[in-house]
Amino acid sequence: NVVDYSGYPDCRPEFFEAYEQMLR
């Protein structure tokens, strides 16, 4: 979650987009 969260970098949309590309 990126709305109410503690500022973790691995909870951001760009992280998941990059990770999904890595899995491809």
mmCIF file of all heavy atoms, coordinates in Angstrom:
data_MODEL
# 
_entry.id   MODEL 
# 
loop_
_atom_site.group_PDB 
_atom_site.id 
_atom_site.type_symbol 
_atom_site.label_atom_id 
_atom_site.label_alt_id 
_atom_site.label_comp_id 
_atom_site.label_asym_id 
_atom_site.label_entity_id 
_atom_site.label_seq_id 
_atom_site.pdbx_PDB_ins_code 
_atom_site.Cartn_x 
_atom_site.Cartn_y 
_atom_site.Cartn_z 
_atom_site.occupancy 
_atom_site.B_iso_or_equiv 
_atom_site.pdbx_formal_charge 
_atom_site.auth_seq_id 
_atom_site.auth_comp_id 
_atom_site.auth_asym_id 
_atom_site.auth_atom_id 
_atom_site.pdbx_PDB_model_num 
ATOM 1   N N   . ASN A 1 1  ? 0.833  -1.200  0.000   1.00 0.00 ? 1  ASN A N   1 
ATOM 2   C CA  . ASN A 1 1  ? 0.000  0.000   0.000   1.00 0.00 ? 1  ASN A CA  1 
ATOM 3   C C   . ASN A 1 1  ? 0.869  1.252   0.000   1.00 0.00 ? 1  ASN A C   1 
ATOM 4   O O   . ASN A 1 1  ? 1.894  1.292   0.668   1.00 0.00 ? 1  ASN A O   1 
ATOM 5   C CB  . ASN A 1 1  ? -0.914 -0.014  1.237   1.00 0.00 ? 1  ASN A CB  1 
ATOM 6   C CG  . ASN A 1 1  ? -1.783 1.214   1.320   1.00 0.00 ? 1  ASN A CG  1 
ATOM 7   O OD1 . ASN A 1 1  ? -1.474 2.137   2.052   1.00 0.00 ? 1  ASN A OD1 1 
ATOM 8   N ND2 . ASN A 1 1  ? -2.870 1.224   0.580   1.00 0.00 ? 1  ASN A ND2 1 
ATOM 9   N N   . VAL A 1 2  ? 0.457  2.257   -0.785  1.00 0.00 ? 2  VAL A N   1 
ATOM 10  C CA  . VAL A 1 2  ? 1.250  3.493   -0.874  1.00 0.00 ? 2  VAL A CA  1 
ATOM 11  C C   . VAL A 1 2  ? 0.516  4.722   -0.349  1.00 0.00 ? 2  VAL A C   1 
ATOM 12  O O   . VAL A 1 2  ? 1.017  5.833   -0.468  1.00 0.00 ? 2  VAL A O   1 
ATOM 13  C CB  . VAL A 1 2  ? 1.691  3.777   -2.328  1.00 0.00 ? 2  VAL A CB  1 
ATOM 14  C CG1 . VAL A 1 2  ? 2.663  2.733   -2.816  1.00 0.00 ? 2  VAL A CG1 1 
ATOM 15  C CG2 . VAL A 1 2  ? 0.499  3.908   -3.265  1.00 0.00 ? 2  VAL A CG2 1 
ATOM 16  N N   . VAL A 1 3  ? -0.647 4.518   0.244   1.00 0.00 ? 3  VAL A N   1 
ATOM 17  C CA  . VAL A 1 3  ? -1.415 5.667   0.753   1.00 0.00 ? 3  VAL A CA  1 
ATOM 18  C C   . VAL A 1 3  ? -1.134 5.870   2.236   1.00 0.00 ? 3  VAL A C   1 
ATOM 19  O O   . VAL A 1 3  ? -0.530 6.864   2.634   1.00 0.00 ? 3  VAL A O   1 
ATOM 20  C CB  . VAL A 1 3  ? -2.920 5.485   0.490   1.00 0.00 ? 3  VAL A CB  1 
ATOM 21  C CG1 . VAL A 1 3  ? -3.707 6.680   1.027   1.00 0.00 ? 3  VAL A CG1 1 
ATOM 22  C CG2 . VAL A 1 3  ? -3.182 5.324   -1.006  1.00 0.00 ? 3  VAL A CG2 1 
ATOM 23  N N   . ASP A 1 4  ? -1.581 4.952   3.049   1.00 0.00 ? 4  ASP A N   1 
ATOM 24  C CA  . ASP A 1 4  ? -1.300 5.004   4.489   1.00 0.00 ? 4  ASP A CA  1 
ATOM 25  C C   . ASP A 1 4  ? -0.271 3.920   4.793   1.00 0.00 ? 4  ASP A C   1 
ATOM 26  O O   . ASP A 1 4  ? -0.613 2.772   5.036   1.00 0.00 ? 4  ASP A O   1 
ATOM 27  C CB  . ASP A 1 4  ? -2.568 4.754   5.310   1.00 0.00 ? 4  ASP A CB  1 
ATOM 28  C CG  . ASP A 1 4  ? -3.528 5.926   5.251   1.00 0.00 ? 4  ASP A CG  1 
ATOM 29  O OD1 . ASP A 1 4  ? -3.040 7.062   5.163   1.00 0.00 ? 4  ASP A OD1 1 
ATOM 30  O OD2 . ASP A 1 4  ? -4.746 5.701   5.292   1.00 0.00 ? 4  ASP A OD2 1 
ATOM 31  N N   . TYR A 1 5  ? 1.005  4.272   4.761   1.00 0.00 ? 5  TYR A N   1 
ATOM 32  C CA  . TYR A 1 5  ? 2.055  3.280   4.976   1.00 0.00 ? 5  TYR A CA  1 
ATOM 33  C C   . TYR A 1 5  ? 3.254  3.959   5.627   1.00 0.00 ? 5  TYR A C   1 
ATOM 34  O O   . TYR A 1 5  ? 3.234  5.166   5.880   1.00 0.00 ? 5  TYR A O   1 
ATOM 35  C CB  . TYR A 1 5  ? 2.445  2.607   3.664   1.00 0.00 ? 5  TYR A CB  1 
ATOM 36  C CG  . TYR A 1 5  ? 3.352  3.398   2.750   1.00 0.00 ? 5  TYR A CG  1 
ATOM 37  C CD1 . TYR A 1 5  ? 4.556  2.863   2.296   1.00 0.00 ? 5  TYR A CD1 1 
ATOM 38  C CD2 . TYR A 1 5  ? 3.020  4.691   2.335   1.00 0.00 ? 5  TYR A CD2 1 
ATOM 39  C CE1 . TYR A 1 5  ? 5.394  3.572   1.451   1.00 0.00 ? 5  TYR A CE1 1 
ATOM 40  C CE2 . TYR A 1 5  ? 3.854  5.410   1.492   1.00 0.00 ? 5  TYR A CE2 1 
ATOM 41  C CZ  . TYR A 1 5  ? 5.035  4.853   1.056   1.00 0.00 ? 5  TYR A CZ  1 
ATOM 42  O OH  . TYR A 1 5  ? 5.846  5.557   0.229   1.00 0.00 ? 5  TYR A OH  1 
ATOM 43  N N   . SER A 1 6  ? 4.298  3.199   5.902   1.00 0.00 ? 6  SER A N   1 
ATOM 44  C CA  . SER A 1 6  ? 5.429  3.714   6.666   1.00 0.00 ? 6  SER A CA  1 
ATOM 45  C C   . SER A 1 6  ? 6.603  4.163   5.809   1.00 0.00 ? 6  SER A C   1 
ATOM 46  O O   . SER A 1 6  ? 7.707  4.328   6.305   1.00 0.00 ? 6  SER A O   1 
ATOM 47  C CB  . SER A 1 6  ? 5.900  2.644   7.664   1.00 0.00 ? 6  SER A CB  1 
ATOM 48  O OG  . SER A 1 6  ? 4.896  2.379   8.612   1.00 0.00 ? 6  SER A OG  1 
ATOM 49  N N   . GLY A 1 7  ? 6.410  4.361   4.521   1.00 0.00 ? 7  GLY A N   1 
ATOM 50  C CA  . GLY A 1 7  ? 7.461  4.886   3.669   1.00 0.00 ? 7  GLY A CA  1 
ATOM 51  C C   . GLY A 1 7  ? 8.415  3.856   3.088   1.00 0.00 ? 7  GLY A C   1 
ATOM 52  O O   . GLY A 1 7  ? 9.498  4.222   2.642   1.00 0.00 ? 7  GLY A O   1 
ATOM 53  N N   . TYR A 1 8  ? 8.049  2.599   3.075   1.00 0.00 ? 8  TYR A N   1 
ATOM 54  C CA  . TYR A 1 8  ? 8.946  1.564   2.571   1.00 0.00 ? 8  TYR A CA  1 
ATOM 55  C C   . TYR A 1 8  ? 9.085  1.670   1.047   1.00 0.00 ? 8  TYR A C   1 
ATOM 56  O O   . TYR A 1 8  ? 8.086  1.749   0.328   1.00 0.00 ? 8  TYR A O   1 
ATOM 57  C CB  . TYR A 1 8  ? 8.430  0.179   2.925   1.00 0.00 ? 8  TYR A CB  1 
ATOM 58  C CG  . TYR A 1 8  ? 8.332  -0.108  4.411   1.00 0.00 ? 8  TYR A CG  1 
ATOM 59  C CD1 . TYR A 1 8  ? 7.448  -1.059  4.893   1.00 0.00 ? 8  TYR A CD1 1 
ATOM 60  C CD2 . TYR A 1 8  ? 9.128  0.570   5.332   1.00 0.00 ? 8  TYR A CD2 1 
ATOM 61  C CE1 . TYR A 1 8  ? 7.357  -1.341  6.252   1.00 0.00 ? 8  TYR A CE1 1 
ATOM 62  C CE2 . TYR A 1 8  ? 9.045  0.299   6.685   1.00 0.00 ? 8  TYR A CE2 1 
ATOM 63  C CZ  . TYR A 1 8  ? 8.159  -0.651  7.145   1.00 0.00 ? 8  TYR A CZ  1 
ATOM 64  O OH  . TYR A 1 8  ? 8.066  -0.925  8.478   1.00 0.00 ? 8  TYR A OH  1 
ATOM 65  N N   . PRO A 1 9  ? 10.303 1.620   0.517   1.00 0.00 ? 9  PRO A N   1 
ATOM 66  C CA  . PRO A 1 9  ? 10.490 1.760   -0.934  1.00 0.00 ? 9  PRO A CA  1 
ATOM 67  C C   . PRO A 1 9  ? 9.961  0.578   -1.734  1.00 0.00 ? 9  PRO A C   1 
ATOM 68  O O   . PRO A 1 9  ? 9.643  0.722   -2.919  1.00 0.00 ? 9  PRO A O   1 
ATOM 69  C CB  . PRO A 1 9  ? 12.012 1.881   -1.077  1.00 0.00 ? 9  PRO A CB  1 
ATOM 70  C CG  . PRO A 1 9  ? 12.570 1.231   0.144   1.00 0.00 ? 9  PRO A CG  1 
ATOM 71  C CD  . PRO A 1 9  ? 11.587 1.526   1.237   1.00 0.00 ? 9  PRO A CD  1 
ATOM 72  N N   . ASP A 1 10 ? 9.858  -0.597  -1.111  1.00 0.00 ? 10 ASP A N   1 
ATOM 73  C CA  . ASP A 1 10 ? 9.375  -1.783  -1.825  1.00 0.00 ? 10 ASP A CA  1 
ATOM 74  C C   . ASP A 1 10 ? 7.863  -1.960  -1.722  1.00 0.00 ? 10 ASP A C   1 
ATOM 75  O O   . ASP A 1 10 ? 7.336  -3.060  -1.871  1.00 0.00 ? 10 ASP A O   1 
ATOM 76  C CB  . ASP A 1 10 ? 10.107 -3.039  -1.341  1.00 0.00 ? 10 ASP A CB  1 
ATOM 77  C CG  . ASP A 1 10 ? 10.032 -3.241  0.167   1.00 0.00 ? 10 ASP A CG  1 
ATOM 78  O OD1 . ASP A 1 10 ? 9.422  -2.400  0.864   1.00 0.00 ? 10 ASP A OD1 1 
ATOM 79  O OD2 . ASP A 1 10 ? 10.595 -4.233  0.655   1.00 0.00 ? 10 ASP A OD2 1 
ATOM 80  N N   . CYS A 1 11 ? 7.162  -0.847  -1.477  1.00 0.00 ? 11 CYS A N   1 
ATOM 81  C CA  . CYS A 1 11 ? 5.699  -0.859  -1.485  1.00 0.00 ? 11 CYS A CA  1 
ATOM 82  C C   . CYS A 1 11 ? 5.159  0.136   -2.514  1.00 0.00 ? 11 CYS A C   1 
ATOM 83  O O   . CYS A 1 11 ? 3.992  0.513   -2.457  1.00 0.00 ? 11 CYS A O   1 
ATOM 84  C CB  . CYS A 1 11 ? 5.143  -0.512  -0.094  1.00 0.00 ? 11 CYS A CB  1 
ATOM 85  S SG  . CYS A 1 11 ? 5.369  -1.801  1.134   1.00 0.00 ? 11 CYS A SG  1 
ATOM 86  N N   . ARG A 1 12 ? 6.002  0.553   -3.449  1.00 0.00 ? 12 ARG A N   1 
ATOM 87  C CA  . ARG A 1 12 ? 5.612  1.576   -4.418  1.00 0.00 ? 12 ARG A CA  1 
ATOM 88  C C   . ARG A 1 12 ? 5.260  0.959   -5.770  1.00 0.00 ? 12 ARG A C   1 
ATOM 89  O O   . ARG A 1 12 ? 5.789  -0.104  -6.130  1.00 0.00 ? 12 ARG A O   1 
ATOM 90  C CB  . ARG A 1 12 ? 6.750  2.578   -4.597  1.00 0.00 ? 12 ARG A CB  1 
ATOM 91  C CG  . ARG A 1 12 ? 7.100  3.354   -3.332  1.00 0.00 ? 12 ARG A CG  1 
ATOM 92  C CD  . ARG A 1 12 ? 8.360  4.178   -3.536  1.00 0.00 ? 12 ARG A CD  1 
ATOM 93  N NE  . ARG A 1 12 ? 9.494  3.316   -3.854  1.00 0.00 ? 12 ARG A NE  1 
ATOM 94  C CZ  . ARG A 1 12 ? 10.498 3.675   -4.659  1.00 0.00 ? 12 ARG A CZ  1 
ATOM 95  N NH1 . ARG A 1 12 ? 10.503 4.865   -5.231  1.00 0.00 ? 12 ARG A NH1 1 
ATOM 96  N NH2 . ARG A 1 12 ? 11.497 2.838   -4.895  1.00 0.00 ? 12 ARG A NH2 1 
ATOM 97  N N   . PRO A 1 13 ? 4.384  1.607   -6.534  1.00 0.00 ? 13 PRO A N   1 
ATOM 98  C CA  . PRO A 1 13 ? 3.983  1.057   -7.841  1.00 0.00 ? 13 PRO A CA  1 
ATOM 99  C C   . PRO A 1 13 ? 5.165  0.797   -8.755  1.00 0.00 ? 13 PRO A C   1 
ATOM 100 O O   . PRO A 1 13 ? 5.198  -0.232  -9.452  1.00 0.00 ? 13 PRO A O   1 
ATOM 101 C CB  . PRO A 1 13 ? 3.076  2.151   -8.415  1.00 0.00 ? 13 PRO A CB  1 
ATOM 102 C CG  . PRO A 1 13 ? 2.581  2.912   -7.244  1.00 0.00 ? 13 PRO A CG  1 
ATOM 103 C CD  . PRO A 1 13 ? 3.669  2.862   -6.223  1.00 0.00 ? 13 PRO A CD  1 
ATOM 104 N N   . GLU A 1 14 ? 6.149  1.709   -8.785  1.00 0.00 ? 14 GLU A N   1 
ATOM 105 C CA  . GLU A 1 14 ? 7.277  1.531   -9.691  1.00 0.00 ? 14 GLU A CA  1 
ATOM 106 C C   . GLU A 1 14 ? 8.111  0.301   -9.344  1.00 0.00 ? 14 GLU A C   1 
ATOM 107 O O   . GLU A 1 14 ? 8.723  -0.319  -10.229 1.00 0.00 ? 14 GLU A O   1 
ATOM 108 C CB  . GLU A 1 14 ? 8.159  2.788   -9.728  1.00 0.00 ? 14 GLU A CB  1 
ATOM 109 C CG  . GLU A 1 14 ? 8.603  3.310   -8.388  1.00 0.00 ? 14 GLU A CG  1 
ATOM 110 C CD  . GLU A 1 14 ? 7.707  4.390   -7.828  1.00 0.00 ? 14 GLU A CD  1 
ATOM 111 O OE1 . GLU A 1 14 ? 6.462  4.245   -7.904  1.00 0.00 ? 14 GLU A OE1 1 
ATOM 112 O OE2 . GLU A 1 14 ? 8.250  5.390   -7.301  1.00 0.00 ? 14 GLU A OE2 1 
ATOM 113 N N   . PHE A 1 15 ? 8.139  -0.053  -8.065  1.00 0.00 ? 15 PHE A N   1 
ATOM 114 C CA  . PHE A 1 15 ? 8.845  -1.274  -7.674  1.00 0.00 ? 15 PHE A CA  1 
ATOM 115 C C   . PHE A 1 15 ? 8.159  -2.493  -8.271  1.00 0.00 ? 15 PHE A C   1 
ATOM 116 O O   . PHE A 1 15 ? 8.807  -3.374  -8.844  1.00 0.00 ? 15 PHE A O   1 
ATOM 117 C CB  . PHE A 1 15 ? 8.907  -1.395  -6.152  1.00 0.00 ? 15 PHE A CB  1 
ATOM 118 C CG  . PHE A 1 15 ? 9.301  -2.771  -5.671  1.00 0.00 ? 15 PHE A CG  1 
ATOM 119 C CD1 . PHE A 1 15 ? 10.611 -3.204  -5.787  1.00 0.00 ? 15 PHE A CD1 1 
ATOM 120 C CD2 . PHE A 1 15 ? 8.367  -3.646  -5.127  1.00 0.00 ? 15 PHE A CD2 1 
ATOM 121 C CE1 . PHE A 1 15 ? 10.987 -4.487  -5.365  1.00 0.00 ? 15 PHE A CE1 1 
ATOM 122 C CE2 . PHE A 1 15 ? 8.722  -4.915  -4.710  1.00 0.00 ? 15 PHE A CE2 1 
ATOM 123 C CZ  . PHE A 1 15 ? 10.037 -5.328  -4.831  1.00 0.00 ? 15 PHE A CZ  1 
ATOM 124 N N   . PHE A 1 16 ? 6.842  -2.559  -8.146  1.00 0.00 ? 16 PHE A N   1 
ATOM 125 C CA  . PHE A 1 16 ? 6.116  -3.733  -8.647  1.00 0.00 ? 16 PHE A CA  1 
ATOM 126 C C   . PHE A 1 16 ? 6.137  -3.803  -10.167 1.00 0.00 ? 16 PHE A C   1 
ATOM 127 O O   . PHE A 1 16 ? 6.200  -4.896  -10.742 1.00 0.00 ? 16 PHE A O   1 
ATOM 128 C CB  . PHE A 1 16 ? 4.689  -3.729  -8.106  1.00 0.00 ? 16 PHE A CB  1 
ATOM 129 C CG  . PHE A 1 16 ? 4.638  -3.897  -6.612  1.00 0.00 ? 16 PHE A CG  1 
ATOM 130 C CD1 . PHE A 1 16 ? 4.262  -2.849  -5.790  1.00 0.00 ? 16 PHE A CD1 1 
ATOM 131 C CD2 . PHE A 1 16 ? 5.008  -5.093  -6.024  1.00 0.00 ? 16 PHE A CD2 1 
ATOM 132 C CE1 . PHE A 1 16 ? 4.247  -2.988  -4.415  1.00 0.00 ? 16 PHE A CE1 1 
ATOM 133 C CE2 . PHE A 1 16 ? 5.006  -5.251  -4.648  1.00 0.00 ? 16 PHE A CE2 1 
ATOM 134 C CZ  . PHE A 1 16 ? 4.620  -4.188  -3.840  1.00 0.00 ? 16 PHE A CZ  1 
ATOM 135 N N   . GLU A 1 17 ? 6.096  -2.657  -10.839 1.00 0.00 ? 17 GLU A N   1 
ATOM 136 C CA  . GLU A 1 17 ? 6.201  -2.647  -12.296 1.00 0.00 ? 17 GLU A CA  1 
ATOM 137 C C   . GLU A 1 17 ? 7.560  -3.208  -12.733 1.00 0.00 ? 17 GLU A C   1 
ATOM 138 O O   . GLU A 1 17 ? 7.639  -4.022  -13.658 1.00 0.00 ? 17 GLU A O   1 
ATOM 139 C CB  . GLU A 1 17 ? 6.023  -1.223  -12.814 1.00 0.00 ? 17 GLU A CB  1 
ATOM 140 C CG  . GLU A 1 17 ? 4.604  -0.689  -12.654 1.00 0.00 ? 17 GLU A CG  1 
ATOM 141 C CD  . GLU A 1 17 ? 4.528  0.818   -12.846 1.00 0.00 ? 17 GLU A CD  1 
ATOM 142 O OE1 . GLU A 1 17 ? 5.555  1.414   -13.268 1.00 0.00 ? 17 GLU A OE1 1 
ATOM 143 O OE2 . GLU A 1 17 ? 3.464  1.398   -12.581 1.00 0.00 ? 17 GLU A OE2 1 
ATOM 144 N N   . ALA A 1 18 ? 8.612  -2.764  -12.059 1.00 0.00 ? 18 ALA A N   1 
ATOM 145 C CA  . ALA A 1 18 ? 9.961  -3.243  -12.403 1.00 0.00 ? 18 ALA A CA  1 
ATOM 146 C C   . ALA A 1 18 ? 10.111 -4.719  -12.079 1.00 0.00 ? 18 ALA A C   1 
ATOM 147 O O   . ALA A 1 18 ? 10.730 -5.483  -12.848 1.00 0.00 ? 18 ALA A O   1 
ATOM 148 C CB  . ALA A 1 18 ? 11.007 -2.421  -11.650 1.00 0.00 ? 18 ALA A CB  1 
ATOM 149 N N   . TYR A 1 19 ? 9.543  -5.154  -10.968 1.00 0.00 ? 19 TYR A N   1 
ATOM 150 C CA  . TYR A 1 19 ? 9.681  -6.553  -10.569 1.00 0.00 ? 19 TYR A CA  1 
ATOM 151 C C   . TYR A 1 19 ? 8.919  -7.467  -11.530 1.00 0.00 ? 19 TYR A C   1 
ATOM 152 O O   . TYR A 1 19 ? 9.405  -8.551  -11.897 1.00 0.00 ? 19 TYR A O   1 
ATOM 153 C CB  . TYR A 1 19 ? 9.180  -6.748  -9.132  1.00 0.00 ? 19 TYR A CB  1 
ATOM 154 C CG  . TYR A 1 19 ? 9.760  -7.994  -8.501  1.00 0.00 ? 19 TYR A CG  1 
ATOM 155 C CD1 . TYR A 1 19 ? 10.907 -7.928  -7.727  1.00 0.00 ? 19 TYR A CD1 1 
ATOM 156 C CD2 . TYR A 1 19 ? 9.182  -9.234  -8.724  1.00 0.00 ? 19 TYR A CD2 1 
ATOM 157 C CE1 . TYR A 1 19 ? 11.462 -9.075  -7.175  1.00 0.00 ? 19 TYR A CE1 1 
ATOM 158 C CE2 . TYR A 1 19 ? 9.732  -10.381 -8.179  1.00 0.00 ? 19 TYR A CE2 1 
ATOM 159 C CZ  . TYR A 1 19 ? 10.877 -10.289 -7.411  1.00 0.00 ? 19 TYR A CZ  1 
ATOM 160 O OH  . TYR A 1 19 ? 11.430 -11.428 -6.887  1.00 0.00 ? 19 TYR A OH  1 
ATOM 161 N N   . GLU A 1 20 ? 7.751  -7.028  -11.946 1.00 0.00 ? 20 GLU A N   1 
ATOM 162 C CA  . GLU A 1 20 ? 6.976  -7.823  -12.899 1.00 0.00 ? 20 GLU A CA  1 
ATOM 163 C C   . GLU A 1 20 ? 7.728  -7.958  -14.218 1.00 0.00 ? 20 GLU A C   1 
ATOM 164 O O   . GLU A 1 20 ? 7.727  -9.032  -14.840 1.00 0.00 ? 20 GLU A O   1 
ATOM 165 C CB  . GLU A 1 20 ? 5.610  -7.171  -13.114 1.00 0.00 ? 20 GLU A CB  1 
ATOM 166 C CG  . GLU A 1 20 ? 4.571  -8.099  -13.695 1.00 0.00 ? 20 GLU A CG  1 
ATOM 167 C CD  . GLU A 1 20 ? 3.188  -7.493  -13.677 1.00 0.00 ? 20 GLU A CD  1 
ATOM 168 O OE1 . GLU A 1 20 ? 2.975  -6.482  -14.407 1.00 0.00 ? 20 GLU A OE1 1 
ATOM 169 O OE2 . GLU A 1 20 ? 2.311  -8.007  -12.948 1.00 0.00 ? 20 GLU A OE2 1 
ATOM 170 N N   . GLN A 1 21 ? 8.387  -6.885  -14.657 1.00 0.00 ? 21 GLN A N   1 
ATOM 171 C CA  . GLN A 1 21 ? 9.199  -6.951  -15.869 1.00 0.00 ? 21 GLN A CA  1 
ATOM 172 C C   . GLN A 1 21 ? 10.361 -7.923  -15.691 1.00 0.00 ? 21 GLN A C   1 
ATOM 173 O O   . GLN A 1 21 ? 10.702 -8.683  -16.601 1.00 0.00 ? 21 GLN A O   1 
ATOM 174 C CB  . GLN A 1 21 ? 9.724  -5.558  -16.236 1.00 0.00 ? 21 GLN A CB  1 
ATOM 175 C CG  . GLN A 1 21 ? 10.677 -5.525  -17.424 1.00 0.00 ? 21 GLN A CG  1 
ATOM 176 C CD  . GLN A 1 21 ? 10.068 -6.054  -18.704 1.00 0.00 ? 21 GLN A CD  1 
ATOM 177 O OE1 . GLN A 1 21 ? 8.857  -6.063  -18.871 1.00 0.00 ? 21 GLN A OE1 1 
ATOM 178 N NE2 . GLN A 1 21 ? 10.925 -6.523  -19.608 1.00 0.00 ? 21 GLN A NE2 1 
ATOM 179 N N   . MET A 1 22 ? 10.979 -7.920  -14.524 1.00 0.00 ? 22 MET A N   1 
ATOM 180 C CA  . MET A 1 22 ? 12.060 -8.856  -14.239 1.00 0.00 ? 22 MET A CA  1 
ATOM 181 C C   . MET A 1 22 ? 11.565 -10.300 -14.341 1.00 0.00 ? 22 MET A C   1 
ATOM 182 O O   . MET A 1 22 ? 12.254 -11.166 -14.902 1.00 0.00 ? 22 MET A O   1 
ATOM 183 C CB  . MET A 1 22 ? 12.633 -8.585  -12.848 1.00 0.00 ? 22 MET A CB  1 
ATOM 184 C CG  . MET A 1 22 ? 13.833 -9.437  -12.469 1.00 0.00 ? 22 MET A CG  1 
ATOM 185 S SD  . MET A 1 22 ? 13.371 -11.012 -11.709 1.00 0.00 ? 22 MET A SD  1 
ATOM 186 C CE  . MET A 1 22 ? 12.689 -10.463 -10.157 1.00 0.00 ? 22 MET A CE  1 
ATOM 187 N N   . LEU A 1 23 ? 10.360 -10.563 -13.845 1.00 0.00 ? 23 LEU A N   1 
ATOM 188 C CA  . LEU A 1 23 ? 9.804  -11.912 -13.930 1.00 0.00 ? 23 LEU A CA  1 
ATOM 189 C C   . LEU A 1 23 ? 9.546  -12.320 -15.381 1.00 0.00 ? 23 LEU A C   1 
ATOM 190 O O   . LEU A 1 23 ? 9.636  -13.503 -15.727 1.00 0.00 ? 23 LEU A O   1 
ATOM 191 C CB  . LEU A 1 23 ? 8.507  -12.005 -13.119 1.00 0.00 ? 23 LEU A CB  1 
ATOM 192 C CG  . LEU A 1 23 ? 8.647  -11.907 -11.599 1.00 0.00 ? 23 LEU A CG  1 
ATOM 193 C CD1 . LEU A 1 23 ? 7.273  -11.939 -10.936 1.00 0.00 ? 23 LEU A CD1 1 
ATOM 194 C CD2 . LEU A 1 23 ? 9.522  -13.022 -11.042 1.00 0.00 ? 23 LEU A CD2 1 
ATOM 195 N N   . ARG A 1 24 ? 9.230  -11.357 -16.228 1.00 0.00 ? 24 ARG A N   1 
ATOM 196 C CA  . ARG A 1 24 ? 8.989  -11.668 -17.638 1.00 0.00 ? 24 ARG A CA  1 
ATOM 197 C C   . ARG A 1 24 ? 10.247 -12.201 -18.318 1.00 0.00 ? 24 ARG A C   1 
ATOM 198 O O   . ARG A 1 24 ? 10.176 -13.076 -19.186 1.00 0.00 ? 24 ARG A O   1 
ATOM 199 C CB  . ARG A 1 24 ? 8.505  -10.418 -18.391 1.00 0.00 ? 24 ARG A CB  1 
ATOM 200 C CG  . ARG A 1 24 ? 7.088  -9.980  -18.057 1.00 0.00 ? 24 ARG A CG  1 
ATOM 201 C CD  . ARG A 1 24 ? 6.597  -8.922  -19.040 1.00 0.00 ? 24 ARG A CD  1 
ATOM 202 N NE  . ARG A 1 24 ? 5.368  -8.311  -18.558 1.00 0.00 ? 24 ARG A NE  1 
ATOM 203 C CZ  . ARG A 1 24 ? 5.297  -7.131  -17.969 1.00 0.00 ? 24 ARG A CZ  1 
ATOM 204 N NH1 . ARG A 1 24 ? 6.405  -6.404  -17.810 1.00 0.00 ? 24 ARG A NH1 1 
ATOM 205 N NH2 . ARG A 1 24 ? 4.153  -6.648  -17.552 1.00 0.00 ? 24 ARG A NH2 1 
# 
